[in-house]
C-alpha atoms as a PDB file:
ATOM      1  CA  UNK A   1     -16.324  48.880   9.356  1.00  0.00           C
ATOM      2  CA  UNK A   2     -19.412  49.232  11.511  1.00  0.00           C
ATOM      3  CA  UNK A   3     -17.340  50.019  14.606  1.00  0.00           C
ATOM      4  CA  UNK A   4     -15.206  52.427  12.621  1.00  0.00           C
ATOM      5  CA  UNK A   5     -18.411  54.201  11.488  1.00  0.00           C
ATOM      6  CA  UNK A   6     -19.895  54.390  15.148  1.00  0.00           C
ATOM      7  CA  UNK A   7     -16.747  55.766  16.594  1.00  0.00           C
ATOM      8  CA  UNK A   8     -16.194  58.257  13.726  1.00  0.00           C
ATOM      9  CA  UNK A   9     -19.842  59.471  14.009  1.00  0.00           C
ATOM     10  CA  UNK A  10     -19.217  60.648  17.538  1.00  0.00           C
ATOM     11  CA  UNK A  11     -16.681  63.177  16.181  1.00  0.00           C
ATOM     12  CA  UNK A  12     -18.874  64.497  13.259  1.00  0.00           C
ATOM     13  CA  UNK A  13     -18.172  64.494   9.586  1.00  0.00           C
ATOM     14  CA  UNK A  14     -14.566  63.508   8.877  1.00  0.00           C
ATOM     15  CA  UNK A  15     -12.354  61.605   6.443  1.00  0.00           C
ATOM     16  CA  UNK A  16     -12.444  58.659   8.776  1.00  0.00           C
ATOM     17  CA  UNK A  17     -16.284  58.596   8.742  1.00  0.00           C
ATOM     18  CA  UNK A  18     -16.258  58.890   4.861  1.00  0.00           C
ATOM     19  CA  UNK A  19     -13.897  56.017   4.753  1.00  0.00           C
ATOM     20  CA  UNK A  20     -16.033  53.940   6.823  1.00  0.00           C
ATOM     21  CA  UNK A  21     -19.029  54.554   4.717  1.00  0.00           C
ATOM     22  CA  UNK A  22     -17.088  54.020   1.554  1.00  0.00           C
ATOM     23  CA  UNK A  23     -15.895  50.517   2.841  1.00  0.00           C
ATOM     24  CA  UNK A  24     -19.490  49.675   4.026  1.00  0.00           C
ATOM     25  CA  UNK A  25     -20.818  50.460   0.496  1.00  0.00           C
ATOM     26  CA  UNK A  26     -18.051  48.221  -1.181  1.00  0.00           C
ATOM     27  CA  UNK A  27     -18.859  45.457   1.433  1.00  0.00           C
ATOM     28  CA  UNK A  28     -22.532  45.487   0.329  1.00  0.00           C
ATOM     29  CA  UNK A  29     -21.482  45.401  -3.375  1.00  0.00           C
ATOM     30  CA  UNK A  30     -19.372  42.383  -2.843  1.00  0.00           C
ATOM     31  CA  UNK A  31     -22.135  40.783  -0.921  1.00  0.00           C
ATOM     32  CA  UNK A  32     -24.807  41.647  -3.493  1.00  0.00           C
ATOM     33  CA  UNK A  33     -26.978  43.404  -0.806  1.00  0.00           C
ATOM     34  CA  UNK A  34     -29.097  45.678  -2.841  1.00  0.00           C
ATOM     35  CA  UNK A  35     -31.234  47.300  -0.317  1.00  0.00           C
ATOM     36  CA  UNK A  36     -28.331  47.756   2.128  1.00  0.00           C
ATOM     37  CA  UNK A  37     -26.211  48.922  -0.744  1.00  0.00           C
ATOM     38  CA  UNK A  38     -28.679  51.811  -1.378  1.00  0.00           C
ATOM     39  CA  UNK A  39     -28.649  52.787   2.224  1.00  0.00           C
ATOM     40  CA  UNK A  40     -24.888  52.905   2.471  1.00  0.00           C
ATOM     41  CA  UNK A  41     -24.613  54.881  -0.808  1.00  0.00           C
ATOM     42  CA  UNK A  42     -26.886  57.603   0.686  1.00  0.00           C
ATOM     43  CA  UNK A  43     -25.105  57.625   3.996  1.00  0.00           C
ATOM     44  CA  UNK A  44     -21.742  58.001   2.175  1.00  0.00           C
ATOM     45  CA  UNK A  45     -23.218  60.710  -0.037  1.00  0.00           C
ATOM     46  CA  UNK A  46     -24.245  62.735   2.973  1.00  0.00           C
ATOM     47  CA  UNK A  47     -20.893  62.474   4.543  1.00  0.00           C
ATOM     48  CA  UNK A  48     -19.054  63.375   1.372  1.00  0.00           C
ATOM     49  CA  UNK A  49     -21.178  66.442   0.801  1.00  0.00           C
ATOM     50  CA  UNK A  50     -20.283  67.635   4.381  1.00  0.00           C
ATOM     51  CA  UNK A  51     -16.516  66.743   4.258  1.00  0.00           C
ATOM     52  CA  UNK A  52     -16.047  68.264   0.770  1.00  0.00           C
ATOM     53  CA  UNK A  53     -12.802  66.347   0.081  1.00  0.00           C
ATOM     54  CA  UNK A  54     -11.973  65.840  -3.607  1.00  0.00           C
ATOM     55  CA  UNK A  55     -10.988  62.071  -3.281  1.00  0.00           C
ATOM     56  CA  UNK A  56     -14.434  61.314  -1.799  1.00  0.00           C
ATOM     57  CA  UNK A  57     -16.234  63.289  -4.349  1.00  0.00           C
ATOM     58  CA  UNK A  58     -14.546  61.386  -7.012  1.00  0.00           C
ATOM     59  CA  UNK A  59     -15.273  58.161  -5.192  1.00  0.00           C
ATOM     60  CA  UNK A  60     -18.900  59.219  -4.839  1.00  0.00           C
ATOM     61  CA  UNK A  61     -18.988  59.779  -8.682  1.00  0.00           C
ATOM     62  CA  UNK A  62     -17.581  56.170  -9.294  1.00  0.00           C
ATOM     63  CA  UNK A  63     -20.312  54.724  -6.827  1.00  0.00           C
ATOM     64  CA  UNK A  64     -23.093  56.730  -8.687  1.00  0.00           C
ATOM     65  CA  UNK A  65     -21.867  55.200 -11.904  1.00  0.00           C
ATOM     66  CA  UNK A  66     -21.758  51.692 -10.386  1.00  0.00           C
ATOM     67  CA  UNK A  67     -25.224  52.097  -9.133  1.00  0.00           C
ATOM     68  CA  UNK A  68     -26.395  53.091 -12.571  1.00  0.00           C
ATOM     69  CA  UNK A  69     -24.519  50.073 -14.038  1.00  0.00           C
ATOM     70  CA  UNK A  70     -26.254  47.683 -11.663  1.00  0.00           C
ATOM     71  CA  UNK A  71     -29.770  49.263 -12.116  1.00  0.00           C
ATOM     72  CA  UNK A  72     -29.581  50.544 -15.632  1.00  0.00           C
ATOM     73  CA  UNK A  73     -29.830  52.417 -17.956  1.00  0.00           C
ATOM     74  CA  UNK A  74     -26.435  51.624 -19.445  1.00  0.00           C
ATOM     75  CA  UNK A  75     -26.053  54.806 -21.256  1.00  0.00           C
ATOM     76  CA  UNK A  76     -26.436  56.706 -17.922  1.00  0.00           C
ATOM     77  CA  UNK A  77     -23.707  54.451 -16.310  1.00  0.00           C
ATOM     78  CA  UNK A  78     -21.336  55.358 -19.232  1.00  0.00           C
ATOM     79  CA  UNK A  79     -22.004  59.017 -18.895  1.00  0.00           C
ATOM     80  CA  UNK A  80     -21.327  58.836 -15.178  1.00  0.00           C
ATOM     81  CA  UNK A  81     -18.115  56.886 -15.650  1.00  0.00           C
ATOM     82  CA  UNK A  82     -16.914  59.728 -17.942  1.00  0.00           C
ATOM     83  CA  UNK A  83     -17.934  62.267 -15.302  1.00  0.00           C
ATOM     84  CA  UNK A  84     -16.049  60.401 -12.527  1.00  0.00           C
ATOM     85  CA  UNK A  85     -13.027  60.123 -14.615  1.00  0.00           C
ATOM     86  CA  UNK A  86     -13.067  63.931 -15.158  1.00  0.00           C
ATOM     87  CA  UNK A  87     -13.284  64.497 -11.461  1.00  0.00           C
ATOM     88  CA  UNK A  88     -10.601  62.029 -10.694  1.00  0.00           C
ATOM     89  CA  UNK A  89      -8.265  63.553 -13.148  1.00  0.00           C
ATOM     90  CA  UNK A  90      -8.975  67.144 -12.162  1.00  0.00           C
ATOM     91  CA  UNK A  91      -8.102  66.290  -8.517  1.00  0.00           C
ATOM     92  CA  UNK A  92      -5.049  64.182  -9.405  1.00  0.00           C
ATOM     93  CA  UNK A  93      -6.370  60.790  -8.273  1.00  0.00           C
ATOM     94  CA  UNK A  94      -3.893  58.174  -9.572  1.00  0.00           C
ATOM     95  CA  UNK A  95      -6.476  55.476  -9.760  1.00  0.00           C
ATOM     96  CA  UNK A  96      -8.913  57.531 -11.887  1.00  0.00           C
ATOM     97  CA  UNK A  97      -8.065  55.916 -15.177  1.00  0.00           C
ATOM     98  CA  UNK A  98      -7.914  52.361 -13.849  1.00  0.00           C
ATOM     99  CA  UNK A  99     -11.337  52.779 -12.228  1.00  0.00           C
ATOM    100  CA  UNK A 100     -12.758  54.225 -15.262  1.00  0.00           C
ATOM    101  CA  UNK A 101     -11.313  51.306 -17.327  1.00  0.00           C
ATOM    102  CA  UNK A 102     -13.023  48.856 -15.055  1.00  0.00           C
ATOM    103  CA  UNK A 103     -16.356  50.518 -15.413  1.00  0.00           C
ATOM    104  CA  UNK A 104     -16.150  50.857 -19.191  1.00  0.00           C
ATOM    105  CA  UNK A 105     -15.166  47.053 -19.328  1.00  0.00           C
ATOM    106  CA  UNK A 106     -18.358  46.220 -17.446  1.00  0.00           C
ATOM    107  CA  UNK A 107     -20.365  48.648 -19.491  1.00  0.00           C
ATOM    108  CA  UNK A 108     -19.123  47.356 -22.768  1.00  0.00           C
ATOM    109  CA  UNK A 109     -19.665  43.723 -21.585  1.00  0.00           C
ATOM    110  CA  UNK A 110     -23.383  44.600 -20.720  1.00  0.00           C
ATOM    111  CA  UNK A 111     -23.693  46.356 -24.237  1.00  0.00           C
ATOM    112  CA  UNK A 112     -22.323  43.226 -26.011  1.00  0.00           C
ATOM    113  CA  UNK A 113     -19.339  45.337 -27.201  1.00  0.00           C
ATOM    114  CA  UNK A 114     -16.515  43.927 -25.176  1.00  0.00           C
ATOM    115  CA  UNK A 115     -14.556  43.067 -28.242  1.00  0.00           C
ATOM    116  CA  UNK A 116     -13.905  46.852 -28.648  1.00  0.00           C
ATOM    117  CA  UNK A 117     -11.542  46.810 -25.787  1.00  0.00           C
ATOM    118  CA  UNK A 118      -9.221  44.013 -26.973  1.00  0.00           C
ATOM    119  CA  UNK A 119      -6.803  46.384 -28.778  1.00  0.00           C
ATOM    120  CA  UNK A 120      -6.514  48.910 -25.907  1.00  0.00           C
ATOM    121  CA  UNK A 121      -6.156  45.979 -23.359  1.00  0.00           C
ATOM    122  CA  UNK A 122      -3.334  44.426 -25.503  1.00  0.00           C
ATOM    123  CA  UNK A 123      -1.595  47.865 -25.509  1.00  0.00           C
ATOM    124  CA  UNK A 124      -1.856  48.094 -21.687  1.00  0.00           C
ATOM    125  CA  UNK A 125      -0.536  44.562 -21.434  1.00  0.00           C
ATOM    126  CA  UNK A 126       2.500  45.447 -23.446  1.00  0.00           C
ATOM    127  CA  UNK A 127       3.085  48.497 -21.189  1.00  0.00           C
ATOM    128  CA  UNK A 128       2.428  46.609 -17.920  1.00  0.00           C
ATOM    129  CA  UNK A 129       3.059  42.996 -18.592  1.00  0.00           C
ATOM    130  CA  UNK A 130       3.291  41.957 -14.820  1.00  0.00           C
ATOM    131  CA  UNK A 131      -0.204  43.213 -14.147  1.00  0.00           C
ATOM    132  CA  UNK A 132      -2.500  40.080 -14.275  1.00  0.00           C
ATOM    133  CA  UNK A 133      -5.693  42.079 -14.559  1.00  0.00           C
ATOM    134  CA  UNK A 134      -5.030  42.835 -18.292  1.00  0.00           C
ATOM    135  CA  UNK A 135      -4.595  39.126 -18.915  1.00  0.00           C
ATOM    136  CA  UNK A 136      -7.823  38.320 -17.162  1.00  0.00           C
ATOM    137  CA  UNK A 137      -9.616  40.846 -19.297  1.00  0.00           C
ATOM    138  CA  UNK A 138      -8.221  39.488 -22.554  1.00  0.00           C
ATOM    139  CA  UNK A 139      -9.099  35.866 -21.447  1.00  0.00           C
ATOM    140  CA  UNK A 140     -12.716  37.139 -20.791  1.00  0.00           C
ATOM    141  CA  UNK A 141     -12.787  38.821 -24.264  1.00  0.00           C
ATOM    142  CA  UNK A 142     -11.535  35.651 -25.975  1.00  0.00           C
ATOM    143  CA  UNK A 143     -13.990  33.454 -24.145  1.00  0.00           C
ATOM    144  CA  UNK A 144     -17.028  35.659 -24.747  1.00  0.00           C
ATOM    145  CA  UNK A 145     -15.977  35.974 -28.317  1.00  0.00           C
ATOM    146  CA  UNK A 146     -16.150  32.281 -28.853  1.00  0.00           C
ATOM    147  CA  UNK A 147     -12.425  31.864 -29.016  1.00  0.00           C
ATOM    148  CA  UNK A 148     -12.230  28.949 -26.520  1.00  0.00           C
ATOM    149  CA  UNK A 149      -8.638  27.820 -27.322  1.00  0.00           C
ATOM    150  CA  UNK A 150      -7.220  31.343 -27.121  1.00  0.00           C
ATOM    151  CA  UNK A 151      -9.103  31.775 -23.839  1.00  0.00           C
ATOM    152  CA  UNK A 152      -7.943  28.614 -22.386  1.00  0.00           C
ATOM    153  CA  UNK A 153      -4.208  29.405 -23.330  1.00  0.00           C
ATOM    154  CA  UNK A 154      -4.568  32.806 -21.691  1.00  0.00           C
ATOM    155  CA  UNK A 155      -5.962  31.224 -18.428  1.00  0.00           C
ATOM    156  CA  UNK A 156      -3.162  28.560 -18.405  1.00  0.00           C
ATOM    157  CA  UNK A 157      -0.488  31.357 -18.669  1.00  0.00           C
ATOM    158  CA  UNK A 158      -2.151  33.341 -15.966  1.00  0.00           C
ATOM    159  CA  UNK A 159      -1.759  30.430 -13.545  1.00  0.00           C
ATOM    160  CA  UNK A 160       1.642  29.183 -14.763  1.00  0.00           C
ATOM    161  CA  UNK A 161       3.312  30.002 -11.427  1.00  0.00           C
ATOM    162  CA  UNK A 162       1.411  27.659  -9.194  1.00  0.00           C
ATOM    163  CA  UNK A 163      -2.338  28.096  -9.671  1.00  0.00           C
ATOM    164  CA  UNK A 164      -4.737  30.247  -7.917  1.00  0.00           C
ATOM    165  CA  UNK A 165      -2.873  30.207  -4.615  1.00  0.00           C
ATOM    166  CA  UNK A 166      -0.184  32.158  -6.275  1.00  0.00           C
ATOM    167  CA  UNK A 167      -2.440  34.720  -7.947  1.00  0.00           C
ATOM    168  CA  UNK A 168      -1.758  38.159  -6.468  1.00  0.00           C
ATOM    169  CA  UNK A 169      -4.269  39.230  -3.759  1.00  0.00           C
ATOM    170  CA  UNK A 170      -4.146  42.872  -4.732  1.00  0.00           C
ATOM    171  CA  UNK A 171      -6.780  45.402  -5.541  1.00  0.00           C
ATOM    172  CA  UNK A 172      -7.539  43.618  -8.776  1.00  0.00           C
ATOM    173  CA  UNK A 173      -8.081  40.167  -7.261  1.00  0.00           C
ATOM    174  CA  UNK A 174     -11.888  40.228  -7.003  1.00  0.00           C
ATOM    175  CA  UNK A 175     -12.274  41.771 -10.470  1.00  0.00           C
ATOM    176  CA  UNK A 176      -9.884  39.275 -11.877  1.00  0.00           C
ATOM    177  CA  UNK A 177     -11.732  36.235 -10.394  1.00  0.00           C
ATOM    178  CA  UNK A 178     -15.069  37.766 -11.559  1.00  0.00           C
ATOM    179  CA  UNK A 179     -13.621  37.912 -15.104  1.00  0.00           C
ATOM    180  CA  UNK A 180     -11.954  34.403 -14.894  1.00  0.00           C
ATOM    181  CA  UNK A 181     -14.834  32.391 -13.616  1.00  0.00           C
ATOM    182  CA  UNK A 182     -17.089  32.616 -16.684  1.00  0.00           C
ATOM    183  CA  UNK A 183     -14.004  32.512 -18.935  1.00  0.00           C
ATOM    184  CA  UNK A 184     -12.870  29.298 -17.358  1.00  0.00           C
ATOM    185  CA  UNK A 185     -16.317  27.876 -17.909  1.00  0.00           C
ATOM    186  CA  UNK A 186     -16.540  28.894 -21.485  1.00  0.00           C
ATOM    187  CA  UNK A 187     -12.993  27.811 -22.371  1.00  0.00           C
ATOM    188  CA  UNK A 188     -13.397  24.493 -20.458  1.00  0.00           C
ATOM    189  CA  UNK A 189     -10.162  25.246 -18.624  1.00  0.00           C
ATOM    190  CA  UNK A 190      -8.776  22.832 -15.986  1.00  0.00           C
ATOM    191  CA  UNK A 191      -9.297  23.534 -12.324  1.00  0.00           C
ATOM    192  CA  UNK A 192      -6.731  25.753 -10.595  1.00  0.00           C
END
């Protein structure tokens, strides 16, 4: 990422530079690097304003909401999540609803209102049964709601095919593991 940014900066604002800053921001999110995260956000913001590409404007909106979620207040994070969804849908970003759903899940969890998402998540699971992220969300909801046996059953079904080594390493993997770790602890599920 750093080398990509270094090389792209020689050419001035570009989509490649924006991607580099986007990835740097996400790296710092994953590493929990608060101070560096802020620096990466503002660097990304500067490039996005100069590049003026709709996809990056949407991504900037997502990052703005994520920063609000991490720092509070939660009502601001929710407002920004809705704004990012509107931008993403207006520019035809196929991931807009999925990203919004992830943000709302985290927001509802922080608000202690995660149970509100169970019915919509079950509907999504019926429409997309092969997408494990829905099952991980349901396991987390069950665990946090004190339904240990249901959570344990959901976790067992998630790993029926061979444990964590067989879990898909896709764009949902880190989110799934983030949801499953506390759910496994609460449910008392066996190691995978």
